[in-house]
Structure formats: structure tokens, C-alpha cells
Amino acid sequence: MAFKDYFSEHAAGYASYRPRYPAELFAWLASNSPRQQRAWDCATGSGQAAIALGVQFEQVIASDASLAQLRQATAHTNIHYVCNSAEQLPFVNASLDLITVAQAAHWFDLPRFYREVDRVLRPEGVLALWCYGLFHIHPAIDAIIQHYYKDTLGPYWPAERRHVEEVYANLVFPYSLLSAPGFSMSAEWDLSQIMGYLATWSATRLYIRAKNDDPLPDLQAELAVHWGDPDQVQRVAWPLHLKAGRKS
């Protein structure tokens, strides 16, 4: 299965406009890991999850198949960035306490990935996958975004996106699930930040490429009617959907 790269050409925007995950998520993952020695963040992108893991673990390996994404990552003393596919790992057997995949497992060749996960996780090690879907601000804006997502971009979403829409409920998982608390993400963003985030969507990029037309200026004008002062920040919230399990 070839690496499907929807994000390299917009790597700088991805680093700037993707939301950050809650610190409570990483504290919970660390508390459920057999030890806090070595974690791997797979498909790290520009390192948002890896940086948070670095607070909890002595060493973090953060890998991505996109070198352009890794070039946008923030350097950190205990994070080692590696350009590598998710399905073939440069790690020795039973060497990791935790493996995380944030908003990316739906792109993988999962049978191959899970074979490698089982090889490199220590006994009692934890695998955690999570995703997030559409954000919420307030009903008028949410309705416009929903229309853009479904009607404007609908045909341009890659097929794998269905797993995110199903909140990973039907994504195959190799271990018994741990009982986890609910987590969510939030940010305080102005209108330009919202537009920057929408520009990182894979379907936005595919729409522009197919039609040679950018739908975002018209969308911004429509949102501005309900936003008010474009420099005013509003609370943006995303529900987070986690699947975590322990290797027996």
C-alpha cells in the first residue's frame, strides 16, 4: 500500500493551524503505560503530539513518511524525529512503552502496522489511536461549515475519511480496549486562523487541484457575516475519539 500524501505540500500550514491535544490525554496515557521510558508517535506530522509526549516520557521517537512535515517540527531535547513509514519500523523487538497515532491511523495499511506494533511494544505496553471530526463554534457558523464539508467538499474527501466520520468505531483494533475518560480539544481562534485550518483539509486541497478554483474566499465572506470583527477570537471545540488498548 503506497503512502497517500495529502499534507506535504501544505506542511507549513499544517504546523501552524492544526489544533493541540489536551495535556490530560498524555498524562492519562503515561499513567497507563508500563513505564515512562520510551514512546513512539507514529505519523507525527509536525510533532504536535510528540511535543506533549516529551513532557511525560524520557525519550520520544516521532516518525512520519513526509519529510516536508518533519521539517516543520519543533526541536526538543528528548524527541528524535525519523522519516519512516508506519508499516516498517526501525525499532528492536519489545522496546516501546507507548505507541500513539493522532488523526492518522485511517491512512495506514492496518494489518501490516499492527504486526509491527505487536513486535515493538513491550509486554503491557499501550497502543493509542485517536481522531477528531468537525469543530463547533456556534450554530450559525457550524451550519456553514457543515455545508462546506458535506456539499462543497463531499466528493473530494478520500474514502478513508469515513473512519473519522464513524469516530473510529469500525476501525479494526488489535487489543482489548482500556476504559478511558472523555477528552476534547479547544482553541481560541480568530477568523483567519479558522481559514488557515480549513486550508489544511485534504479535501480542500483536492478540490483546488481538481477545479483550479479556491472555495475559501467565498466561504470566508459567508462566515464573516456571523463572525463579526474578524480579529475577535471565539472558542473552537473538537470532540476527541480515543481507542487505547494494552498488549497482553
Foldseek 3Di string as FASTA:
>chain_A
DDQDDLFLVPLLLCLVQDFAFDLVVLVVLCVQWPHQEEEEEEQCQQPRVVVSSVVRHQAYEYEHLHPSRPVNHDDDDRYHYDNDHLLDDPAAFQAHREYEYEAPPLRDPVVSNVVVVNGHHHAQHKYKYKYWDAKDFDVVLSVLVVCCVCPVLNVQAPPSCVCVVVRVPVPDDDADFDDDDWTKTKDWDFLVSVLSNVCSHSSQVRSCVVPVDHPSVVSSVSVCVVRPPRRGTTMMMITMRMTMHTHD
